Every structure is written in structure tokens, then in C-alpha cells.
C-alpha atoms as a PDB file:
ATOM      1  CA  MET A   1      -0.259   0.063  -0.251  1.00  0.00           C
ATOM      2  CA  SER A   2       2.717   2.076   0.455  1.00  0.00           C
ATOM      3  CA  VAL A   3       4.006   2.294  -3.434  1.00  0.00           C
ATOM      4  CA  VAL A   4       0.691   3.053  -4.207  1.00  0.00           C
ATOM      5  CA  GLU A   5       0.045   5.885  -1.719  1.00  0.00           C
ATOM      6  CA  ALA A   6       3.177   6.967  -2.905  1.00  0.00           C
ATOM      7  CA  MET A   7       2.544   6.856  -6.616  1.00  0.00           C
ATOM      8  CA  GLN A   8      -1.037   9.128  -5.604  1.00  0.00           C
ATOM      9  CA  LEU A   9       1.413  11.464  -4.381  1.00  0.00           C
ATOM     10  CA  GLY A  10       3.194  11.828  -7.067  1.00  0.00           C
ATOM     11  CA  LEU A  11       6.408  10.925  -5.534  1.00  0.00           C
ATOM     12  CA  VAL A  12       8.566   7.760  -7.945  1.00  0.00           C
ATOM     13  CA  PRO A  13       9.281   4.678  -5.473  1.00  0.00           C
ATOM     14  CA  VAL A  14      12.517   2.609  -4.607  1.00  0.00           C
ATOM     15  CA  VAL A  15      11.528  -0.662  -5.191  1.00  0.00           C
ATOM     16  CA  ALA A  16      11.981  -4.403  -5.480  1.00  0.00           C
ATOM     17  CA  PRO A  17       9.861  -5.389  -7.851  1.00  0.00           C
ATOM     18  CA  VAL A  18       8.116  -8.399  -6.341  1.00  0.00           C
ATOM     19  CA  GLY A  19       4.345  -9.315  -5.678  1.00  0.00           C
ATOM     20  CA  GLU A  20       2.038  -7.205  -7.206  1.00  0.00           C
ATOM     21  CA  ILE A  21       4.487  -4.237  -7.937  1.00  0.00           C
ATOM     22  CA  PRO A  22       5.424  -4.867 -11.432  1.00  0.00           C
ATOM     23  CA  ARG A  23       1.708  -4.371 -12.274  1.00  0.00           C
ATOM     24  CA  TYR A  24       2.038  -0.668 -11.777  1.00  0.00           C
ATOM     25  CA  CYS A  25       5.322   0.295 -11.588  1.00  0.00           C
ATOM     26  CA  ARG A  26       7.816   0.501 -14.328  1.00  0.00           C
ATOM     27  CA  ASP A  27      11.028   0.491 -14.195  1.00  0.00           C
ATOM     28  CA  GLY A  28      12.938   3.506 -15.529  1.00  0.00           C
ATOM     29  CA  GLU A  29       9.199   4.915 -15.963  1.00  0.00           C
ATOM     30  CA  THR A  30       6.885   4.807 -12.865  1.00  0.00           C
ATOM     31  CA  ALA A  31       9.331   3.648 -11.039  1.00  0.00           C
ATOM     32  CA  LEU A  32      13.423   2.778  -9.983  1.00  0.00           C
ATOM     33  CA  PHE A  33      13.814  -0.928  -9.256  1.00  0.00           C
ATOM     34  CA  MET A  34      17.042  -2.370  -6.995  1.00  0.00           C
ATOM     35  CA  ALA A  35      16.905  -6.278  -7.963  1.00  0.00           C
ATOM     36  CA  PRO A  36      17.290  -8.634  -4.394  1.00  0.00           C
ATOM     37  CA  ASP A  37      20.713  -9.511  -5.239  1.00  0.00           C
ATOM     38  CA  GLU A  38      21.701  -6.205  -6.957  1.00  0.00           C
ATOM     39  CA  ASP A  39      25.070  -4.279  -5.245  1.00  0.00           C
ATOM     40  CA  ALA A  40      24.155  -1.715  -2.736  1.00  0.00           C
ATOM     41  CA  GLY A  41      26.906   0.468  -4.984  1.00  0.00           C
ATOM     42  CA  ALA A  42      25.043   0.287  -8.096  1.00  0.00           C
ATOM     43  CA  VAL A  43      21.359   0.904  -6.744  1.00  0.00           C
ATOM     44  CA  ALA A  44      23.290   4.294  -5.621  1.00  0.00           C
ATOM     45  CA  ALA A  45      24.608   5.204  -8.574  1.00  0.00           C
ATOM     46  CA  ARG A  46      21.784   4.239 -11.031  1.00  0.00           C
ATOM     47  CA  LEU A  47      19.382   6.613  -7.670  1.00  0.00           C
ATOM     48  CA  ASP A  48      22.399   9.259  -8.213  1.00  0.00           C
ATOM     49  CA  ALA A  49      22.083   9.620 -12.302  1.00  0.00           C
ATOM     50  CA  LEU A  50      18.412   9.849 -10.981  1.00  0.00           C
ATOM     51  CA  LEU A  51      18.053  12.633  -9.446  1.00  0.00           C
ATOM     52  CA  ALA A  52      20.659  14.598 -11.188  1.00  0.00           C
ATOM     53  CA  ALA A  53      18.284  14.811 -13.440  1.00  0.00           C
ATOM     54  CA  PRO A  54      15.414  17.121 -12.337  1.00  0.00           C
ATOM     55  CA  ASP A  55      13.972  16.468 -15.880  1.00  0.00           C
ATOM     56  CA  ARG A  56      13.422  12.665 -15.822  1.00  0.00           C
ATOM     57  CA  VAL A  57      12.377  13.093 -11.913  1.00  0.00           C
ATOM     58  CA  GLU A  58       9.495  15.730 -13.045  1.00  0.00           C
ATOM     59  CA  ARG A  59       8.748  12.693 -15.146  1.00  0.00           C
ATOM     60  CA  MET A  60       8.897   9.821 -13.175  1.00  0.00           C
ATOM     61  CA  ALA A  61       6.671  11.260 -11.225  1.00  0.00           C
ATOM     62  CA  ARG A  62       4.056  12.597 -13.124  1.00  0.00           C
ATOM     63  CA  ALA A  63       3.714   9.390 -14.887  1.00  0.00           C
ATOM     64  CA  ALA A  64       3.769   7.596 -11.201  1.00  0.00           C
ATOM     65  CA  HIS A  65       0.662   9.706 -10.405  1.00  0.00           C
ATOM     66  CA  ASP A  66      -1.177   9.265 -13.351  1.00  0.00           C
ATOM     67  CA  VAL A  67      -1.112   5.335 -13.258  1.00  0.00           C
ATOM     68  CA  TRP A  68      -3.196   5.666  -9.919  1.00  0.00           C
ATOM     69  CA  ALA A  69      -5.427   9.730 -11.246  1.00  0.00           C
ATOM     70  CA  ALA A  70      -8.271   7.909 -12.011  1.00  0.00           C
ATOM     71  CA  ARG A  71      -8.788   5.641  -9.087  1.00  0.00           C
ATOM     72  CA  PRO A  72     -10.047   7.041  -5.630  1.00  0.00           C
ATOM     73  CA  LEU A  73      -7.206   7.597  -3.351  1.00  0.00           C
ATOM     74  CA  TYR A  74      -6.872   4.479  -0.705  1.00  0.00           C
ATOM     75  CA  ARG A  75      -7.541   6.706   2.075  1.00  0.00           C
ATOM     76  CA  ASP A  76     -11.137   7.251   0.650  1.00  0.00           C
ATOM     77  CA  ASP A  77     -11.638   3.180  -0.267  1.00  0.00           C
ATOM     78  CA  VAL A  78     -11.619   3.020   3.303  1.00  0.00           C
ATOM     79  CA  LEU A  79     -13.755   5.322   3.763  1.00  0.00           C
ATOM     80  CA  ALA A  80     -16.450   4.605   1.539  1.00  0.00           C
ATOM     81  CA  ALA A  81     -16.107   1.020   2.749  1.00  0.00           C
ATOM     82  CA  SER A  82     -16.650   1.831   6.155  1.00  0.00           C
ATOM     83  CA  ARG A  83     -19.856   3.825   5.379  1.00  0.00           C
ATOM     84  CA  ALA A  84     -20.931   0.824   3.523  1.00  0.00           C
ATOM     85  CA  VAL A  85     -20.256  -1.415   6.528  1.00  0.00           C
ATOM     86  CA  LEU A  86     -21.628   1.012   8.885  1.00  0.00           C
ATOM     87  CA  GLY A  87     -24.481   1.848   6.692  1.00  0.00           C
ATOM     88  CA  ARG A  88     -24.508   5.533   6.330  1.00  0.00           C
ATOM     89  CA  ASP A  89     -23.903   8.372   3.011  1.00  0.00           C
ATOM     90  CA  ARG A  90     -21.870  10.985   3.165  1.00  0.00           C
ATOM     91  CA  SER A  91     -23.818  13.302   4.850  1.00  0.00           C
ATOM     92  CA  GLY A  92     -23.605  10.863   8.211  1.00  0.00           C
ATOM     93  CA  ARG A  93     -27.434   9.883   7.524  1.00  0.00           C
ATOM     94  CA  GLN A  94     -28.750   6.315   8.356  1.00  0.00           C
ATOM     95  CA  ASP A  95     -29.873   4.613   5.418  1.00  0.00           C
END
């Protein structure tokens, strides 16, 4: 969830491509992948190169945000689900 929330906020996640992450993150486009066996120095060099190119960071941040732009924030989904369980609408009225 932290990767999704970061992307929704327009942050570029630095992640290991495990589980579901490769379904919504693209290395060099919306995220920076770290292979589990990748040397820490290599990761640091890639991060350094990325941070030295602010225009690239901006493009990646925008692309990360755009992946989730048409979807509700996780917070909003949780609130909606909670209201549904409680049988209340947004105004707090009971259904």
C-alpha cells in the first residue's frame, strides 16, 4: 500500500520488483527497481544519476501519479467501505 500511496502523491518509489509491484510500476518510467541481489553501490549510482536529472524525476513522478489518477485514494476507499459497513452515506445519515 505504501507504494501505491507514494505514487498517488506523485513520488517516485524505489522498490524491489516483487509481488504485485511489477503490475503497476515500470522500472525507469514510474519507479526505480532494485533487484534483491543488486549491489548497494549500483543502486546508489542509479539513484545518483536519477537525482542529477530533475526533468527525468519530474517525468517519472508525473507518470507514477498518472497510473492512479483515475482511481480513488486508498484513504477514500477505506472511508467508503467503512461507511458502507455502517450503512451510512457521506452526510452521516443512516440508510
